[in-house]
């Protein structure tokens, strides 16, 4: 039974403080309790305050259009079908998370912005229908309002390397889509580097980041796209020597304040997690790496670079524990288990859970999952107005 807002006797500030710590699913069930709460859950200030306190989850979609969301703290798994609009198009090739919104790139090149918690979807009409493996993608925002979301698409430099001259005069185009304006903008950029395609990109503080490599020298580094300046800017070199068969995964530390980078050496199987401090924001900052975790233990997973095994995904929770999702072959070698590990700073496995099992050959997309925050952030519409 709905109650009138007058029945809520708590001061508004205390009420907000309590509700900002409630799980998103519970808030959605409470939104019809009274008009005051419904208005609060739609208030941008509350929405982003609630977002900042959320615990990270793992989200994964599979080839049968099912979605699984795993809570590493409670071990709870929720499963549901993808919205029908996705089934009409094709399978999801890759996703990028930003503030609880998932930028979904489909196998045929279509693009959608989706909030799985609110079940809101918005489709973006692409400027071209080039197969998605030739492109890199990003999502972010310019300014501090955090709701001026934009979508970035550009040809990965490794597909245009033969067009570069010694002076780097070739300037491919990048495309930016503004969700509020419902319009595209074309940028001329100079890309003498390429994104390492086996490592997904990450959105942080409105900017996009990738693990990248120079086209004409072996050095690898973190590349940034700043949505404020609409420019690419190298952030810093990797803190380790990268082998050809090593595994890397770029992610965001708890509460979205830092980038983290997981590395497993193919030669030693040692797993390291590094955190980069003072990530660039609005074009100004300094950068340094701190090693958070380093371990070689027989009970830790060994990431396989073999065919039909998806790459890992990780993030760091509020207690500096590593949440790690990866695919591992089971004993018969014909099937793959999707496992989630909760690993302490000393390398001990605190919890392990299998969230899915499937036949080898169905690892699509090539990432075992994505870090995700189940948020109240709405999918932007072109009618939204900047406050």
Protein backbone atom coordinates (compact mmCIF):
# COMPACT_ATOMS: atom_id res chain seq x y z
CA UNK A 1 0.00 0.00 0.00
CA UNK A 2 1.36 3.41 -0.96
CA UNK A 3 1.82 5.91 1.80
CA UNK A 4 1.48 9.65 1.61
CA UNK A 5 4.71 11.65 1.78
CA UNK A 6 3.51 13.26 5.01
CA UNK A 7 3.86 9.90 6.76
CA UNK A 8 7.64 9.98 6.27
CA UNK A 9 8.79 11.82 9.39
CA UNK A 10 12.57 11.50 8.86
CA UNK A 11 14.46 14.64 7.83
CA UNK A 12 15.10 14.67 4.08
CA UNK A 13 18.89 14.68 4.52
CA UNK A 14 18.81 11.57 6.71
CA UNK A 15 16.35 9.86 4.39
CA UNK A 16 18.64 10.46 1.41
CA UNK A 17 21.65 9.18 3.35
CA UNK A 18 19.84 5.94 4.19
CA UNK A 19 18.34 5.35 0.75
CA UNK A 20 21.62 6.11 -1.04
CA UNK A 21 23.00 2.91 0.54
CA UNK A 22 20.11 0.69 -0.53
CA UNK A 23 20.59 -1.72 -3.45
CA UNK A 24 19.16 -0.54 -6.75
CA UNK A 25 16.68 -3.38 -7.09
CA UNK A 26 15.20 -2.54 -3.71
CA UNK A 27 14.94 1.14 -4.62
CA UNK A 28 13.00 0.23 -7.73
CA UNK A 29 10.53 -1.72 -5.62
CA UNK A 30 10.22 1.26 -3.27
CA UNK A 31 9.71 3.94 -5.90
CA UNK A 32 5.92 3.75 -5.66
CA UNK A 33 5.93 3.98 -1.87
CA UNK A 34 5.26 7.72 -2.00
CA UNK A 35 5.61 10.66 -4.37
CA UNK A 36 8.53 12.03 -2.36
CA UNK A 37 10.58 8.87 -2.87
CA UNK A 38 9.68 8.61 -6.54
CA UNK A 39 10.88 12.18 -7.09
CA UNK A 40 14.05 11.50 -5.08
CA UNK A 41 14.98 8.45 -7.16
CA UNK A 42 14.74 10.58 -10.31
CA UNK A 43 16.75 13.48 -8.88
CA UNK A 44 20.12 13.69 -10.65
CA UNK A 45 21.99 14.62 -7.48
CA UNK A 46 20.66 11.57 -5.62
CA UNK A 47 21.17 9.26 -8.61
CA UNK A 48 24.89 10.04 -8.79
CA UNK A 49 25.32 9.97 -5.01
CA UNK A 50 23.79 6.48 -5.03
CA UNK A 51 26.03 5.50 -7.96
CA UNK A 52 29.18 6.49 -6.03
CA UNK A 53 28.33 4.07 -3.21
CA UNK A 54 27.44 1.04 -5.33
CA UNK A 55 29.37 -2.22 -5.07
CA UNK A 56 30.71 -3.54 -8.36
CA UNK A 57 29.07 -6.51 -10.08
CA UNK A 58 29.98 -8.73 -13.03
CA UNK A 59 27.63 -8.72 -16.01
CA UNK A 60 27.79 -11.26 -18.81
CA UNK A 61 25.72 -11.96 -21.92
CA UNK A 62 25.87 -15.17 -23.92
CA UNK A 63 24.97 -16.55 -27.34
CA UNK A 64 21.40 -17.45 -26.34
CA UNK A 65 20.54 -13.82 -25.46
CA UNK A 66 20.66 -14.41 -21.72
CA UNK A 67 22.20 -11.98 -19.23
CA UNK A 68 23.69 -12.91 -15.87
CA UNK A 69 24.64 -10.41 -13.15
CA UNK A 70 26.82 -11.65 -10.30
CA UNK A 71 27.25 -9.92 -6.93
CA UNK A 72 30.73 -10.92 -5.64
CA UNK A 73 29.91 -9.89 -2.07
CA UNK A 74 26.73 -11.91 -1.58
CA UNK A 75 27.31 -14.51 -4.29
CA UNK A 76 23.83 -13.80 -5.69
CA UNK A 77 23.22 -14.37 -9.41
CA UNK A 78 20.33 -12.85 -11.31
CA UNK A 79 19.43 -14.03 -14.81
CA UNK A 80 17.13 -12.54 -17.40
CA UNK A 81 16.68 -12.31 -21.15
CA UNK A 82 18.09 -9.50 -23.24
CA UNK A 83 15.46 -6.97 -24.35
CA UNK A 84 13.63 -8.15 -27.42
CA UNK A 85 15.16 -5.36 -29.50
CA UNK A 86 18.54 -7.08 -29.27
CA UNK A 87 17.18 -10.40 -30.47
CA UNK A 88 15.84 -8.74 -33.61
CA UNK A 89 19.29 -7.39 -34.49
CA UNK A 90 22.19 -9.76 -33.70
CA UNK A 91 24.52 -10.88 -30.95
CA UNK A 92 26.44 -8.37 -28.83
CA UNK A 93 30.06 -8.16 -29.98
CA UNK A 94 31.34 -6.11 -27.06
CA UNK A 95 30.15 -3.76 -24.30
CA UNK A 96 31.61 -0.74 -22.48
CA UNK A 97 30.35 0.30 -19.05
CA UNK A 98 29.82 3.90 -17.94
CA UNK A 99 27.80 4.85 -14.84
CA UNK A 100 25.60 1.75 -15.04
CA UNK A 101 24.97 2.30 -18.76
CA UNK A 102 26.22 -0.36 -21.17
CA UNK A 103 27.31 0.75 -24.63
CA UNK A 104 26.52 -2.34 -26.70
CA UNK A 105 28.21 -2.94 -30.05
CA UNK A 106 26.42 -5.64 -32.00
CA UNK A 107 27.98 -8.08 -34.42
CA UNK A 108 26.39 -6.34 -37.43
CA UNK A 109 27.70 -2.94 -36.35
CA UNK A 110 24.53 -1.59 -34.71
CA UNK A 111 24.97 0.33 -31.45
CA UNK A 112 22.68 0.63 -28.42
CA UNK A 113 22.92 2.28 -25.01
CA UNK A 114 21.29 0.08 -22.38
CA UNK A 115 20.61 0.28 -18.66
CA UNK A 116 20.02 -3.37 -17.64
CA UNK A 117 18.61 -2.38 -14.26
CA UNK A 118 16.04 0.06 -15.60
CA UNK A 119 15.57 -1.97 -18.80
CA UNK A 120 15.92 1.15 -20.94
CA UNK A 121 17.41 0.93 -24.44
CA UNK A 122 18.28 3.58 -27.01
CA UNK A 123 19.53 2.71 -30.47
CA UNK A 124 22.06 4.84 -32.36
CA UNK A 125 21.91 5.02 -36.12
CA UNK A 126 25.52 4.52 -37.28
CA UNK A 127 27.16 6.66 -39.94
CA UNK A 128 28.54 3.53 -41.58
CA UNK A 129 28.00 -0.20 -41.26
CA UNK A 130 31.66 -1.29 -41.20
CA UNK A 131 32.21 -4.57 -39.39
CA UNK A 132 32.90 -3.75 -35.69
CA UNK A 133 36.26 -5.51 -35.45
CA UNK A 134 37.78 -2.74 -37.57
CA UNK A 135 36.69 -0.07 -35.10
CA UNK A 136 37.28 0.95 -31.51
CA UNK A 137 34.57 2.44 -29.35
CA UNK A 138 34.21 4.61 -26.28
CA UNK A 139 31.68 6.38 -24.11
CA UNK A 140 32.13 9.36 -21.83
CA UNK A 141 31.01 12.91 -21.16
CA UNK A 142 32.38 16.44 -21.20
CA UNK A 143 32.12 18.63 -18.15
CA UNK A 144 31.10 17.92 -14.60
CA UNK A 145 27.36 17.46 -15.20
CA UNK A 146 27.95 13.76 -16.00
CA UNK A 147 24.79 13.47 -18.06
CA UNK A 148 26.13 14.88 -21.34
CA UNK A 149 27.03 11.41 -22.59
CA UNK A 150 28.82 10.94 -25.91
CA UNK A 151 29.79 7.95 -28.02
CA UNK A 152 33.16 7.65 -29.81
CA UNK A 153 33.95 5.47 -32.82
CA UNK A 154 37.21 5.32 -34.79
CA UNK A 155 39.15 2.93 -37.01
CA UNK A 156 41.79 1.07 -35.03
CA UNK A 157 45.25 2.16 -36.16
CA UNK A 158 46.39 -1.42 -36.83
CA UNK A 159 43.99 -1.54 -39.79
CA UNK A 160 45.48 1.61 -41.35
CA UNK A 161 49.17 1.06 -40.59
CA UNK A 162 50.04 0.60 -44.28
CA UNK A 163 48.76 4.13 -44.98
CA UNK A 164 51.16 5.88 -42.62
CA UNK A 165 54.08 7.82 -44.00
CA UNK A 166 57.28 8.43 -42.07
CA UNK A 167 55.92 11.82 -41.11
CA UNK A 168 52.65 10.37 -39.84
CA UNK A 169 50.69 12.59 -42.21
CA UNK A 170 47.76 10.22 -42.64
CA UNK A 171 44.81 11.45 -40.60
CA UNK A 172 41.91 9.01 -40.26
CA UNK A 173 38.57 10.22 -38.99
CA UNK A 174 36.91 9.68 -35.64
CA UNK A 175 33.19 10.09 -35.04
CA UNK A 176 31.47 11.45 -31.92
CA UNK A 177 27.77 11.05 -31.29
CA UNK A 178 26.04 13.39 -28.81
CA UNK A 179 23.07 11.72 -27.11
CA UNK A 180 21.44 15.02 -26.15
CA UNK A 181 21.77 16.62 -29.56
CA UNK A 182 21.13 13.37 -31.44
CA UNK A 183 23.87 14.31 -33.88
CA UNK A 184 27.26 13.17 -35.17
CA UNK A 185 30.51 15.11 -35.33
CA UNK A 186 33.54 14.16 -37.43
CA UNK A 187 37.08 14.67 -36.10
CA UNK A 188 40.34 14.44 -38.01
CA UNK A 189 42.89 12.65 -35.86
CA UNK A 190 46.42 11.36 -36.30
CA UNK A 191 46.76 7.76 -35.12
CA UNK A 192 50.33 6.50 -35.12
CA UNK A 193 49.31 3.86 -32.58
CA UNK A 194 46.72 1.10 -32.33
CA UNK A 195 44.57 -0.35 -29.58
CA UNK A 196 45.50 -3.83 -28.33
CA UNK A 197 42.32 -5.57 -29.42
CA UNK A 198 42.54 -8.37 -26.83
CA UNK A 199 42.13 -5.83 -24.01
CA UNK A 200 38.85 -3.93 -23.67
CA UNK A 201 38.62 -0.18 -23.23
CA UNK A 202 37.46 1.46 -19.99
CA UNK A 203 35.46 4.62 -19.29
CA UNK A 204 36.55 6.61 -16.21
CA UNK A 205 35.61 10.14 -15.06
CA UNK A 206 34.15 10.93 -18.47
CA UNK A 207 37.20 9.84 -20.50
CA UNK A 208 38.06 6.60 -22.34
CA UNK A 209 41.22 4.54 -21.85
CA UNK A 210 42.79 1.65 -23.78
CA UNK A 211 45.97 -0.40 -23.72
CA UNK A 212 47.74 0.68 -26.91
CA UNK A 213 50.95 0.15 -28.86
CA UNK A 214 52.89 2.49 -31.14
CA UNK A 215 52.87 1.45 -34.78
CA UNK A 216 56.55 2.06 -35.40
CA UNK A 217 58.08 1.08 -32.07
CA UNK A 218 57.43 -1.72 -29.55
CA UNK A 219 56.46 0.42 -26.56
CA UNK A 220 53.02 -0.11 -25.04
CA UNK A 221 51.11 2.50 -23.08
CA UNK A 222 47.72 3.66 -21.80
CA UNK A 223 45.93 5.83 -24.34
CA UNK A 224 43.25 8.34 -23.33
CA UNK A 225 40.49 10.08 -25.23
CA UNK A 226 39.38 13.28 -23.50
CA UNK A 227 35.76 14.13 -24.31
CA UNK A 228 36.25 17.71 -23.09
CA UNK A 229 39.05 18.51 -25.52
CA UNK A 230 37.94 15.84 -28.05
CA UNK A 231 41.52 14.65 -28.42
CA UNK A 232 43.68 11.57 -27.89
CA UNK A 233 46.44 11.89 -25.31
CA UNK A 234 48.90 9.17 -24.17
CA UNK A 235 48.73 8.72 -20.40
CA UNK A 236 51.77 6.64 -19.41
CA UNK A 237 53.80 3.55 -20.32
CA UNK A 238 52.93 0.12 -18.94
CA UNK A 239 54.74 -0.72 -15.66
CA UNK A 240 56.01 -4.10 -16.88
CA UNK A 241 57.56 -5.83 -19.86
CA UNK A 242 54.77 -7.17 -22.03
CA UNK A 243 55.24 -10.54 -23.73
CA UNK A 244 53.43 -11.46 -26.93
CA UNK A 245 51.26 -14.09 -25.21
CA UNK A 246 50.76 -12.27 -21.92
CA UNK A 247 47.25 -11.43 -20.73
CA UNK A 248 46.25 -7.90 -19.69
CA UNK A 249 42.94 -6.46 -18.53
CA UNK A 250 42.22 -2.79 -17.94
CA UNK A 251 39.58 -1.87 -15.38
CA UNK A 252 38.48 0.68 -12.76
CA UNK A 253 39.24 0.52 -9.06
CA UNK A 254 36.44 0.82 -6.51
CA UNK A 255 34.31 3.99 -6.72
CA UNK A 256 35.78 4.93 -10.09
CA UNK A 257 38.75 6.91 -8.83
CA UNK A 258 41.65 5.06 -10.50
CA UNK A 259 42.50 2.78 -13.36
CA UNK A 260 43.74 -0.72 -12.57
CA UNK A 261 45.65 -3.07 -14.83
CA UNK A 262 45.85 -6.85 -14.42
CA UNK A 263 48.77 -8.68 -16.00
CA UNK A 264 49.62 -12.38 -16.16
CA UNK A 265 52.93 -13.43 -17.65
CA UNK A 266 52.65 -16.40 -19.98
CA UNK A 267 56.15 -17.50 -18.92
CA UNK A 268 55.77 -17.37 -15.12
CA UNK A 269 51.93 -17.36 -14.71
CA UNK A 270 52.43 -14.65 -12.06
CA UNK A 271 49.38 -12.42 -11.68
CA UNK A 272 49.98 -8.74 -10.93
CA UNK A 273 47.50 -5.92 -10.46
CA UNK A 274 48.68 -2.35 -10.81
CA UNK A 275 46.79 0.85 -9.96
CA UNK A 276 47.46 4.14 -11.70
CA UNK A 277 47.10 7.19 -9.49
CA UNK A 278 46.00 10.70 -10.42
CA UNK A 279 44.37 9.83 -13.71
CA UNK A 280 44.07 12.76 -16.08
CA UNK A 281 40.84 14.71 -15.83
CA UNK A 282 40.02 17.77 -17.90
CA UNK A 283 43.52 17.61 -19.34
CA UNK A 284 45.45 18.14 -16.10
CA UNK A 285 47.13 15.58 -13.82
CA UNK A 286 50.19 13.47 -13.14
CA UNK A 287 50.39 9.70 -13.31
CA UNK A 288 52.21 6.98 -11.38
CA UNK A 289 51.80 3.22 -10.94
CA UNK A 290 51.44 1.34 -7.65
CA UNK A 291 51.59 -2.45 -7.49
CA UNK A 292 48.59 -3.60 -5.47
CA UNK A 293 48.89 -7.35 -5.87
CA UNK A 294 51.45 -9.93 -6.99
CA UNK A 295 51.17 -13.69 -6.60
CA UNK A 296 52.02 -17.01 -8.18
CA UNK A 297 50.02 -19.77 -6.54
CA UNK A 298 48.80 -23.11 -7.91
CA UNK A 299 45.18 -22.43 -6.99
CA UNK A 300 45.04 -19.14 -8.90
CA UNK A 301 43.66 -19.32 -12.45
CA UNK A 302 45.97 -19.51 -15.43
CA UNK A 303 44.55 -17.49 -18.28
CA UNK A 304 44.63 -19.35 -21.54
CA UNK A 305 45.41 -17.68 -24.83
CA UNK A 306 44.07 -20.70 -26.72
CA UNK A 307 41.24 -20.51 -29.20
CA UNK A 308 37.64 -20.27 -27.95
CA UNK A 309 38.57 -19.13 -24.44
CA UNK A 310 37.45 -15.62 -23.52
CA UNK A 311 39.77 -13.13 -21.86
CA UNK A 312 39.43 -12.26 -18.15
CA UNK A 313 37.82 -9.24 -16.53
CA UNK A 314 38.60 -7.81 -13.09
CA UNK A 315 37.96 -4.92 -10.76
CA UNK A 316 39.06 -3.90 -7.25
CA UNK A 317 36.45 -3.68 -4.52
CA UNK A 318 36.30 -1.29 -1.54
CA UNK A 319 38.45 -3.65 0.58
CA UNK A 320 41.24 -3.80 -2.03
CA UNK A 321 40.22 -7.32 -2.96
CA UNK A 322 40.34 -8.40 -6.59
CA UNK A 323 37.16 -9.61 -8.25
CA UNK A 324 38.17 -11.73 -11.23
CA UNK A 325 35.96 -13.38 -13.86
CA UNK A 326 37.50 -15.78 -16.36
CA UNK A 327 36.79 -18.81 -18.51
CA UNK A 328 38.56 -22.07 -17.69
CA UNK A 329 38.38 -25.43 -19.49
CA UNK A 330 36.87 -28.23 -17.41
CA UNK A 331 38.28 -31.74 -17.19
CA UNK A 332 36.77 -33.06 -20.41
CA UNK A 333 38.27 -30.11 -22.36
CA UNK A 334 35.03 -29.87 -24.37
CA UNK A 335 33.36 -27.47 -21.99
CA UNK A 336 34.26 -24.17 -20.38
CA UNK A 337 33.37 -22.94 -16.90
CA UNK A 338 32.88 -19.22 -16.28
CA UNK A 339 34.32 -18.71 -12.80
CA UNK A 340 34.41 -15.66 -10.53
CA UNK A 341 37.17 -15.37 -7.91
CA UNK A 342 37.39 -13.05 -4.93
CA UNK A 343 41.12 -12.74 -4.14
CA UNK A 344 42.71 -11.06 -1.13
CA UNK A 345 45.80 -8.84 -1.13
CA UNK A 346 48.00 -11.77 -0.08
CA UNK A 347 46.83 -13.84 -3.04
CA UNK A 348 44.49 -16.08 -1.08
CA UNK A 349 41.21 -17.10 -2.73
CA UNK A 350 38.43 -15.91 -0.45
CA UNK A 351 35.58 -17.16 -2.60
CA UNK A 352 35.09 -18.92 -5.92
CA UNK A 353 31.83 -19.38 -7.80
CA UNK A 354 30.90 -20.89 -11.14
CA UNK A 355 28.25 -18.74 -12.80
CA UNK A 356 27.96 -20.51 -16.13
CA UNK A 357 29.15 -23.50 -18.14
CA UNK A 358 29.02 -23.91 -21.90
CA UNK A 359 30.61 -25.79 -24.75
CA UNK A 360 33.91 -24.54 -26.12
CA UNK A 361 33.42 -22.49 -29.22
CA UNK A 362 30.68 -20.30 -27.76
CA UNK A 363 32.93 -17.68 -26.16
CA UNK A 364 31.26 -14.66 -27.68
CA UNK A 365 32.15 -11.96 -27.13
CA UNK A 366 35.84 -12.48 -26.42
CA UNK A 367 35.61 -11.07 -22.89
CA UNK A 368 34.33 -13.29 -20.08
CA UNK A 369 32.26 -10.47 -18.60
CA UNK A 370 32.26 -6.79 -17.70
CA UNK A 371 32.49 -4.82 -14.48
CA UNK A 372 29.10 -3.22 -13.92
CA UNK A 373 27.25 -0.95 -11.48
CA UNK A 374 23.44 -1.52 -11.31
CA UNK A 375 22.51 2.16 -11.26
CA UNK A 376 19.52 4.48 -11.51
CA UNK A 377 21.18 6.56 -14.26
CA UNK A 378 18.60 6.84 -17.05
CA UNK A 379 19.43 6.28 -20.70
CA UNK A 380 19.65 9.84 -22.08
CA UNK A 381 17.13 11.01 -24.64
CA UNK A 382 17.49 13.81 -27.17
CA UNK A 383 14.80 15.76 -25.29
CA UNK A 384 16.94 16.01 -22.13
CA UNK A 385 18.07 19.53 -21.29
CA UNK A 386 21.30 20.41 -19.59
CA UNK A 387 20.65 21.96 -16.22
